[in-house]
Full PDB file with SEQRES, HELIX, SHEET, SSBOND, CRYST1, ORIGX, SCALE, CONECT and MASTER records, all heavy atoms in Angstrom:
SEQRES   1 A   34  ASN ALA ARG VAL LEU ASP MET GLU SER GLY ALA VAL ALA          
SEQRES   2 A   34  GLN VAL ALA TYR ALA ASN GLN VAL PRO THR ILE VAL PHE          
SEQRES   3 A   34  ARG SER LEU SER ASP LEU ALA GLY                              
HELIX    1 AA1 SER A    9  ASN A   19  1                                  11    
CRYST1    1.000    1.000    1.000  90.00  90.00  90.00 P 1           1          
ORIGX1      1.000000  0.000000  0.000000        0.00000                         
ORIGX2      0.000000  1.000000  0.000000        0.00000                         
ORIGX3      0.000000  0.000000  1.000000        0.00000                         
SCALE1      1.000000  0.000000  0.000000        0.00000                         
SCALE2      0.000000  1.000000  0.000000        0.00000                         
SCALE3      0.000000  0.000000  1.000000        0.00000                         
ATOM      1  N   ASN A   1      47.672  23.936 -63.447  1.00  0.00           N  
ATOM      2  CA  ASN A   1      46.721  25.024 -63.196  1.00  0.00           C  
ATOM      3  C   ASN A   1      45.588  24.997 -64.210  1.00  0.00           C  
ATOM      4  O   ASN A   1      45.051  26.048 -64.620  1.00  0.00           O  
ATOM      5  CB  ASN A   1      47.409  26.400 -63.223  1.00  0.00           C  
ATOM      6  CG  ASN A   1      48.452  26.536 -62.130  1.00  0.00           C  
ATOM      7  OD1 ASN A   1      48.199  26.187 -60.985  1.00  0.00           O  
ATOM      8  ND2 ASN A   1      49.632  27.016 -62.479  1.00  0.00           N  
ATOM      9  N   ALA A   2      45.233  23.796 -64.631  1.00  0.00           N  
ATOM     10  CA  ALA A   2      44.198  23.634 -65.654  1.00  0.00           C  
ATOM     11  C   ALA A   2      42.819  23.916 -65.080  1.00  0.00           C  
ATOM     12  O   ALA A   2      42.526  23.571 -63.937  1.00  0.00           O  
ATOM     13  CB  ALA A   2      44.242  22.223 -66.219  1.00  0.00           C  
ATOM     14  N   ARG A   3      41.980  24.513 -65.912  1.00  0.00           N  
ATOM     15  CA  ARG A   3      40.605  24.794 -65.519  1.00  0.00           C  
ATOM     16  C   ARG A   3      39.615  23.872 -66.232  1.00  0.00           C  
ATOM     17  O   ARG A   3      38.561  23.562 -65.693  1.00  0.00           O  
ATOM     18  CB  ARG A   3      40.266  26.261 -65.795  1.00  0.00           C  
ATOM     19  CG  ARG A   3      41.267  27.226 -65.142  1.00  0.00           C  
ATOM     20  CD  ARG A   3      40.794  28.656 -65.161  1.00  0.00           C  
ATOM     21  NE  ARG A   3      39.737  28.846 -64.170  1.00  0.00           N  
ATOM     22  CZ  ARG A   3      39.117  30.000 -63.975  1.00  0.00           C  
ATOM     23  NH1 ARG A   3      39.437  31.061 -64.716  1.00  0.00           N  
ATOM     24  NH2 ARG A   3      38.178  30.112 -63.060  1.00  0.00           N  
ATOM     25  N   VAL A   4      39.947  23.463 -67.457  1.00  0.00           N  
ATOM     26  CA  VAL A   4      39.128  22.499 -68.191  1.00  0.00           C  
ATOM     27  C   VAL A   4      40.041  21.594 -68.997  1.00  0.00           C  
ATOM     28  O   VAL A   4      41.219  21.901 -69.220  1.00  0.00           O  
ATOM     29  CB  VAL A   4      38.122  23.184 -69.153  1.00  0.00           C  
ATOM     30  CG1 VAL A   4      37.132  24.063 -68.408  1.00  0.00           C  
ATOM     31  CG2 VAL A   4      38.845  23.972 -70.234  1.00  0.00           C  
ATOM     32  N   LEU A   5      39.477  20.490 -69.459  1.00  0.00           N  
ATOM     33  CA  LEU A   5      40.190  19.623 -70.392  1.00  0.00           C  
ATOM     34  C   LEU A   5      39.271  19.237 -71.535  1.00  0.00           C  
ATOM     35  O   LEU A   5      38.049  19.214 -71.397  1.00  0.00           O  
ATOM     36  CB  LEU A   5      40.745  18.386 -69.687  1.00  0.00           C  
ATOM     37  CG  LEU A   5      39.810  17.434 -68.952  1.00  0.00           C  
ATOM     38  CD1 LEU A   5      39.040  16.515 -69.883  1.00  0.00           C  
ATOM     39  CD2 LEU A   5      40.585  16.596 -67.949  1.00  0.00           C  
ATOM     40  N   ASP A   6      39.886  18.957 -72.671  1.00  0.00           N  
ATOM     41  CA  ASP A   6      39.122  18.495 -73.828  1.00  0.00           C  
ATOM     42  C   ASP A   6      40.031  17.637 -74.704  1.00  0.00           C  
ATOM     43  O   ASP A   6      41.128  17.253 -74.273  1.00  0.00           O  
ATOM     44  CB  ASP A   6      38.489  19.661 -74.598  1.00  0.00           C  
ATOM     45  CG  ASP A   6      39.511  20.539 -75.321  1.00  0.00           C  
ATOM     46  OD1 ASP A   6      40.636  20.089 -75.589  1.00  0.00           O  
ATOM     47  OD2 ASP A   6      39.178  21.697 -75.628  1.00  0.00           O  
ATOM     48  N   MET A   7      39.594  17.377 -75.944  1.00  0.00           N  
ATOM     49  CA  MET A   7      40.328  16.465 -76.810  1.00  0.00           C  
ATOM     50  C   MET A   7      40.784  17.107 -78.125  1.00  0.00           C  
ATOM     51  O   MET A   7      41.256  16.382 -79.007  1.00  0.00           O  
ATOM     52  CB  MET A   7      39.477  15.229 -77.096  1.00  0.00           C  
ATOM     53  CG  MET A   7      39.107  14.441 -75.850  1.00  0.00           C  
ATOM     54  SD  MET A   7      37.991  13.044 -76.164  1.00  0.00           S  
ATOM     55  CE  MET A   7      39.072  11.936 -77.089  1.00  0.00           C  
ATOM     56  N   GLU A   8      40.635  18.438 -78.257  1.00  0.00           N  
ATOM     57  CA  GLU A   8      40.983  19.073 -79.529  1.00  0.00           C  
ATOM     58  C   GLU A   8      41.737  20.401 -79.417  1.00  0.00           C  
ATOM     59  O   GLU A   8      42.610  20.687 -80.249  1.00  0.00           O  
ATOM     60  CB  GLU A   8      39.715  19.338 -80.370  1.00  0.00           C  
ATOM     61  CG  GLU A   8      38.928  18.119 -80.774  1.00  0.00           C  
ATOM     62  CD  GLU A   8      37.920  17.700 -79.711  1.00  0.00           C  
ATOM     63  OE1 GLU A   8      37.519  18.561 -78.896  1.00  0.00           O  
ATOM     64  OE2 GLU A   8      37.544  16.518 -79.698  1.00  0.00           O  
ATOM     65  N   SER A   9      41.410  21.227 -78.439  1.00  0.00           N  
ATOM     66  CA  SER A   9      41.850  22.627 -78.468  1.00  0.00           C  
ATOM     67  C   SER A   9      43.363  22.790 -78.490  1.00  0.00           C  
ATOM     68  O   SER A   9      43.894  23.686 -79.164  1.00  0.00           O  
ATOM     69  CB  SER A   9      41.268  23.387 -77.274  1.00  0.00           C  
ATOM     70  OG  SER A   9      39.864  23.410 -77.327  1.00  0.00           O  
ATOM     71  N   GLY A  10      44.096  21.950 -77.749  1.00  0.00           N  
ATOM     72  CA  GLY A  10      45.549  22.046 -77.749  1.00  0.00           C  
ATOM     73  C   GLY A  10      46.152  21.788 -79.120  1.00  0.00           C  
ATOM     74  O   GLY A  10      47.153  22.413 -79.501  1.00  0.00           O  
ATOM     75  N   ALA A  11      45.540  20.895 -79.880  1.00  0.00           N  
ATOM     76  CA  ALA A  11      46.017  20.611 -81.232  1.00  0.00           C  
ATOM     77  C   ALA A  11      45.716  21.774 -82.171  1.00  0.00           C  
ATOM     78  O   ALA A  11      46.558  22.171 -82.987  1.00  0.00           O  
ATOM     79  CB  ALA A  11      45.378  19.331 -81.754  1.00  0.00           C  
ATOM     80  N   VAL A  12      44.510  22.327 -82.069  1.00  0.00           N  
ATOM     81  CA  VAL A  12      44.155  23.502 -82.870  1.00  0.00           C  
ATOM     82  C   VAL A  12      45.090  24.660 -82.546  1.00  0.00           C  
ATOM     83  O   VAL A  12      45.571  25.357 -83.448  1.00  0.00           O  
ATOM     84  CB  VAL A  12      42.689  23.901 -82.615  1.00  0.00           C  
ATOM     85  CG1 VAL A  12      42.347  25.209 -83.333  1.00  0.00           C  
ATOM     86  CG2 VAL A  12      41.741  22.790 -83.074  1.00  0.00           C  
ATOM     87  N   ALA A  13      45.378  24.852 -81.261  1.00  0.00           N  
ATOM     88  CA  ALA A  13      46.274  25.931 -80.847  1.00  0.00           C  
ATOM     89  C   ALA A  13      47.670  25.765 -81.436  1.00  0.00           C  
ATOM     90  O   ALA A  13      48.306  26.753 -81.827  1.00  0.00           O  
ATOM     91  CB  ALA A  13      46.341  25.982 -79.321  1.00  0.00           C  
ATOM     92  N   GLN A  14      48.160  24.542 -81.504  1.00  0.00           N  
ATOM     93  CA  GLN A  14      49.492  24.298 -82.067  1.00  0.00           C  
ATOM     94  C   GLN A  14      49.533  24.623 -83.549  1.00  0.00           C  
ATOM     95  O   GLN A  14      50.463  25.288 -84.028  1.00  0.00           O  
ATOM     96  CB  GLN A  14      49.908  22.843 -81.843  1.00  0.00           C  
ATOM     97  CG  GLN A  14      51.270  22.519 -82.431  1.00  0.00           C  
ATOM     98  CD  GLN A  14      51.710  21.092 -82.147  1.00  0.00           C  
ATOM     99  OE1 GLN A  14      51.289  20.487 -81.176  1.00  0.00           O  
ATOM    100  NE2 GLN A  14      52.553  20.549 -82.996  1.00  0.00           N  
ATOM    101  N   VAL A  15      48.538  24.172 -84.297  1.00  0.00           N  
ATOM    102  CA  VAL A  15      48.503  24.445 -85.739  1.00  0.00           C  
ATOM    103  C   VAL A  15      48.323  25.936 -85.992  1.00  0.00           C  
ATOM    104  O   VAL A  15      48.950  26.507 -86.892  1.00  0.00           O  
ATOM    105  CB  VAL A  15      47.383  23.628 -86.421  1.00  0.00           C  
ATOM    106  CG1 VAL A  15      47.273  23.991 -87.895  1.00  0.00           C  
ATOM    107  CG2 VAL A  15      47.652  22.136 -86.263  1.00  0.00           C  
ATOM    108  N   ALA A  16      47.494  26.590 -85.197  1.00  0.00           N  
ATOM    109  CA  ALA A  16      47.301  28.031 -85.341  1.00  0.00           C  
ATOM    110  C   ALA A  16      48.602  28.784 -85.064  1.00  0.00           C  
ATOM    111  O   ALA A  16      48.940  29.748 -85.769  1.00  0.00           O  
ATOM    112  CB  ALA A  16      46.199  28.495 -84.392  1.00  0.00           C  
ATOM    113  N   TYR A  17      49.345  28.349 -84.046  1.00  0.00           N  
ATOM    114  CA  TYR A  17      50.640  28.959 -83.734  1.00  0.00           C  
ATOM    115  C   TYR A  17      51.603  28.799 -84.914  1.00  0.00           C  
ATOM    116  O   TYR A  17      52.280  29.758 -85.307  1.00  0.00           O  
ATOM    117  CB  TYR A  17      51.226  28.314 -82.488  1.00  0.00           C  
ATOM    118  CG  TYR A  17      52.626  28.759 -82.162  1.00  0.00           C  
ATOM    119  CD1 TYR A  17      52.866  29.897 -81.394  1.00  0.00           C  
ATOM    120  CD2 TYR A  17      53.735  28.030 -82.618  1.00  0.00           C  
ATOM    121  CE1 TYR A  17      54.161  30.314 -81.100  1.00  0.00           C  
ATOM    122  CE2 TYR A  17      55.027  28.435 -82.331  1.00  0.00           C  
ATOM    123  CZ  TYR A  17      55.237  29.574 -81.578  1.00  0.00           C  
ATOM    124  OH  TYR A  17      56.519  29.976 -81.300  1.00  0.00           O  
ATOM    125  N   ALA A  18      51.667  27.610 -85.472  1.00  0.00           N  
ATOM    126  CA  ALA A  18      52.584  27.353 -86.584  1.00  0.00           C  
ATOM    127  C   ALA A  18      52.246  28.202 -87.806  1.00  0.00           C  
ATOM    128  O   ALA A  18      53.135  28.592 -88.565  1.00  0.00           O  
ATOM    129  CB  ALA A  18      52.569  25.874 -86.939  1.00  0.00           C  
ATOM    130  N   ASN A  19      50.960  28.491 -87.994  1.00  0.00           N  
ATOM    131  CA  ASN A  19      50.504  29.264 -89.150  1.00  0.00           C  
ATOM    132  C   ASN A  19      50.277  30.737 -88.824  1.00  0.00           C  
ATOM    133  O   ASN A  19      49.878  31.506 -89.694  1.00  0.00           O  
ATOM    134  CB  ASN A  19      49.217  28.665 -89.698  1.00  0.00           C  
ATOM    135  CG  ASN A  19      49.448  27.347 -90.396  1.00  0.00           C  
ATOM    136  OD1 ASN A  19      49.770  27.302 -91.581  1.00  0.00           O  
ATOM    137  ND2 ASN A  19      49.277  26.250 -89.672  1.00  0.00           N  
ATOM    138  N   GLN A  20      50.501  31.122 -87.565  1.00  0.00           N  
ATOM    139  CA  GLN A  20      50.314  32.503 -87.109  1.00  0.00           C  
ATOM    140  C   GLN A  20      48.895  33.009 -87.386  1.00  0.00           C  
ATOM    141  O   GLN A  20      48.691  34.112 -87.889  1.00  0.00           O  
ATOM    142  CB  GLN A  20      51.350  33.425 -87.751  1.00  0.00           C  
ATOM    143  CG  GLN A  20      52.794  33.090 -87.356  1.00  0.00           C  
ATOM    144  CD  GLN A  20      53.812  34.045 -87.942  1.00  0.00           C  
ATOM    145  OE1 GLN A  20      54.156  33.949 -89.123  1.00  0.00           O  
ATOM    146  NE2 GLN A  20      54.291  34.974 -87.145  1.00  0.00           N  
ATOM    147  N   VAL A  21      47.929  32.188 -87.029  1.00  0.00           N  
ATOM    148  CA  VAL A  21      46.520  32.558 -87.183  1.00  0.00           C  
ATOM    149  C   VAL A  21      45.958  32.898 -85.803  1.00  0.00           C  
ATOM    150  O   VAL A  21      45.999  32.058 -84.894  1.00  0.00           O  
ATOM    151  CB  VAL A  21      45.706  31.404 -87.802  1.00  0.00           C  
ATOM    152  CG1 VAL A  21      44.232  31.778 -87.885  1.00  0.00           C  
ATOM    153  CG2 VAL A  21      46.251  31.054 -89.185  1.00  0.00           C  
ATOM    154  N   PRO A  22      45.433  34.113 -85.584  1.00  0.00           N  
ATOM    155  CA  PRO A  22      44.861  34.465 -84.280  1.00  0.00           C  
ATOM    156  C   PRO A  22      43.737  33.507 -83.907  1.00  0.00           C  
ATOM    157  O   PRO A  22      42.883  33.191 -84.741  1.00  0.00           O  
ATOM    158  CB  PRO A  22      44.323  35.887 -84.504  1.00  0.00           C  
ATOM    159  CG  PRO A  22      45.061  36.397 -85.698  1.00  0.00           C  
ATOM    160  CD  PRO A  22      45.338  35.204 -86.564  1.00  0.00           C  
ATOM    161  N   THR A  23      43.741  33.055 -82.655  1.00  0.00           N  
ATOM    162  CA  THR A  23      42.815  32.006 -82.233  1.00  0.00           C  
ATOM    163  C   THR A  23      42.280  32.269 -80.836  1.00  0.00           C  
ATOM    164  O   THR A  23      42.983  32.820 -79.981  1.00  0.00           O  
ATOM    165  CB  THR A  23      43.523  30.633 -82.275  1.00  0.00           C  
ATOM    166  OG1 THR A  23      43.932  30.365 -83.624  1.00  0.00           O  
ATOM    167  CG2 THR A  23      42.618  29.511 -81.814  1.00  0.00           C  
ATOM    168  N   ILE A  24      41.038  31.852 -80.627  1.00  0.00           N  
ATOM    169  CA  ILE A  24      40.407  31.898 -79.312  1.00  0.00           C  
ATOM    170  C   ILE A  24      39.475  30.697 -79.206  1.00  0.00           C  
ATOM    171  O   ILE A  24      38.886  30.271 -80.202  1.00  0.00           O  
ATOM    172  CB  ILE A  24      39.662  33.230 -79.093  1.00  0.00           C  
ATOM    173  CG1 ILE A  24      39.217  33.388 -77.638  1.00  0.00           C  
ATOM    174  CG2 ILE A  24      38.481  33.359 -80.060  1.00  0.00           C  
ATOM    175  CD1 ILE A  24      38.724  34.792 -77.308  1.00  0.00           C  
ATOM    176  N   VAL A  25      39.352  30.146 -77.992  1.00  0.00           N  
ATOM    177  CA  VAL A  25      38.553  28.940 -77.774  1.00  0.00           C  
ATOM    178  C   VAL A  25      37.526  29.197 -76.678  1.00  0.00           C  
ATOM    179  O   VAL A  25      37.873  29.658 -75.587  1.00  0.00           O  
ATOM    180  CB  VAL A  25      39.445  27.742 -77.379  1.00  0.00           C  
ATOM    181  CG1 VAL A  25      38.595  26.519 -77.066  1.00  0.00           C  
ATOM    182  CG2 VAL A  25      40.443  27.435 -78.498  1.00  0.00           C  
ATOM    183  N   PHE A  26      36.274  28.873 -76.987  1.00  0.00           N  
ATOM    184  CA  PHE A  26      35.172  28.940 -76.027  1.00  0.00           C  
ATOM    185  C   PHE A  26      34.739  27.508 -75.711  1.00  0.00           C  
ATOM    186  O   PHE A  26      34.419  26.744 -76.628  1.00  0.00           O  
ATOM    187  CB  PHE A  26      33.985  29.710 -76.607  1.00  0.00           C  
ATOM    188  CG  PHE A  26      34.278  31.150 -76.909  1.00  0.00           C  
ATOM    189  CD1 PHE A  26      34.979  31.513 -78.064  1.00  0.00           C  
ATOM    190  CD2 PHE A  26      33.861  32.154 -76.049  1.00  0.00           C  
ATOM    191  CE1 PHE A  26      35.251  32.847 -78.348  1.00  0.00           C  
ATOM    192  CE2 PHE A  26      34.128  33.491 -76.329  1.00  0.00           C  
ATOM    193  CZ  PHE A  26      34.831  33.836 -77.483  1.00  0.00           C  
ATOM    194  N   ARG A  27      34.716  27.159 -74.442  1.00  0.00           N  
ATOM    195  CA  ARG A  27      34.306  25.820 -74.036  1.00  0.00           C  
ATOM    196  C   ARG A  27      33.304  25.906 -72.883  1.00  0.00           C  
ATOM    197  O   ARG A  27      33.515  26.643 -71.918  1.00  0.00           O  
ATOM    198  CB  ARG A  27      35.520  24.997 -73.590  1.00  0.00           C  
ATOM    199  CG  ARG A  27      36.462  24.598 -74.726  1.00  0.00           C  
ATOM    200  CD  ARG A  27      35.920  23.420 -75.513  1.00  0.00           C  
ATOM    201  NE  ARG A  27      36.849  22.986 -76.559  1.00  0.00           N  
ATOM    202  CZ  ARG A  27      36.679  21.877 -77.283  1.00  0.00           C  
ATOM    203  NH1 ARG A  27      35.639  21.094 -77.066  1.00  0.00           N  
ATOM    204  NH2 ARG A  27      37.558  21.555 -78.202  1.00  0.00           N  
ATOM    205  N   SER A  28      32.225  25.144 -72.986  1.00  0.00           N  
ATOM    206  CA  SER A  28      31.226  25.085 -71.920  1.00  0.00           C  
ATOM    207  C   SER A  28      31.290  23.714 -71.258  1.00  0.00           C  
ATOM    208  O   SER A  28      31.425  22.687 -71.934  1.00  0.00           O  
ATOM    209  CB  SER A  28      29.834  25.334 -72.485  1.00  0.00           C  
ATOM    210  OG  SER A  28      28.863  25.290 -71.460  1.00  0.00           O  
ATOM    211  N   LEU A  29      31.175  23.680 -69.943  1.00  0.00           N  
ATOM    212  CA  LEU A  29      31.329  22.437 -69.196  1.00  0.00           C  
ATOM    213  C   LEU A  29      30.096  21.544 -69.351  1.00  0.00           C  
ATOM    214  O   LEU A  29      28.982  21.941 -69.011  1.00  0.00           O  
ATOM    215  CB  LEU A  29      31.564  22.714 -67.710  1.00  0.00           C  
ATOM    216  CG  LEU A  29      33.007  22.989 -67.277  1.00  0.00           C  
ATOM    217  CD1 LEU A  29      33.555  24.234 -67.969  1.00  0.00           C  
ATOM    218  CD2 LEU A  29      33.095  23.123 -65.776  1.00  0.00           C  
ATOM    219  N   SER A  30      30.325  20.336 -69.851  1.00  0.00           N  
ATOM    220  CA  SER A  30      29.265  19.329 -69.935  1.00  0.00           C  
ATOM    221  C   SER A  30      29.371  18.320 -68.797  1.00  0.00           C  
ATOM    222  O   SER A  30      28.425  17.578 -68.529  1.00  0.00           O  
ATOM    223  CB  SER A  30      29.350  18.580 -71.269  1.00  0.00           C  
ATOM    224  OG  SER A  30      30.606  17.919 -71.385  1.00  0.00           O  
ATOM    225  N   ASP A  31      30.527  18.275 -68.139  1.00  0.00           N  
ATOM    226  CA  ASP A  31      30.780  17.312 -67.068  1.00  0.00           C  
ATOM    227  C   ASP A  31      31.981  17.804 -66.274  1.00  0.00           C  
ATOM    228  O   ASP A  31      32.566  18.845 -66.601  1.00  0.00           O  
ATOM    229  CB  ASP A  31      31.039  15.914 -67.648  1.00  0.00           C  
ATOM    230  CG  ASP A  31      32.270  15.889 -68.541  1.00  0.00           C  
ATOM    231  OD1 ASP A  31      32.159  16.186 -69.746  1.00  0.00           O  
ATOM    232  OD2 ASP A  31      33.357  15.588 -68.013  1.00  0.00           O  
ATOM    233  N   LEU A  32      32.371  17.040 -65.250  1.00  0.00           N  
ATOM    234  CA  LEU A  32      33.471  17.449 -64.377  1.00  0.00           C  
ATOM    235  C   LEU A  32      34.671  16.515 -64.453  1.00  0.00           C  
ATOM    236  O   LEU A  32      35.489  16.447 -63.530  1.00  0.00           O  
ATOM    237  CB  LEU A  32      32.973  17.580 -62.936  1.00  0.00           C  
ATOM    238  CG  LEU A  32      31.832  18.588 -62.740  1.00  0.00           C  
ATOM    239  CD1 LEU A  32      31.413  18.649 -61.269  1.00  0.00           C  
ATOM    240  CD2 LEU A  32      32.211  19.977 -63.242  1.00  0.00           C  
ATOM    241  N   ALA A  33      34.789  15.763 -65.541  1.00  0.00           N  
ATOM    242  CA  ALA A  33      35.999  14.991 -65.846  1.00  0.00           C  
ATOM    243  C   ALA A  33      36.430  14.048 -64.716  1.00  0.00           C  
ATOM    244  O   ALA A  33      37.622  13.857 -64.473  1.00  0.00           O  
ATOM    245  CB  ALA A  33      37.144  15.926 -66.204  1.00  0.00           C  
ATOM    246  N   GLY A  34      35.464  13.480 -64.013  1.00  0.00           N  
ATOM    247  CA  GLY A  34      35.766  12.592 -62.892  1.00  0.00           C  
ATOM    248  C   GLY A  34      35.340  13.173 -61.563  1.00  0.00           C  
ATOM    249  O   GLY A  34      35.315  12.472 -60.553  1.00  0.00           O  
TER     250      GLY A  34                                                      
MASTER        0    0    0    1    0    0    0    6  249    1    0    3          
END                                                                             
C-alpha cells in the first residue's frame, strides 16, 4: 500500500524509533519510479 518510495526515510524512521525521537517526513514527487 505504498504511496512513495525513497532511499533514506525508512532508515531514519528506524533510528528514530530506537531512540524514541518524534519524527515526521515530508517528500515531494520528482518522478514516478518507473
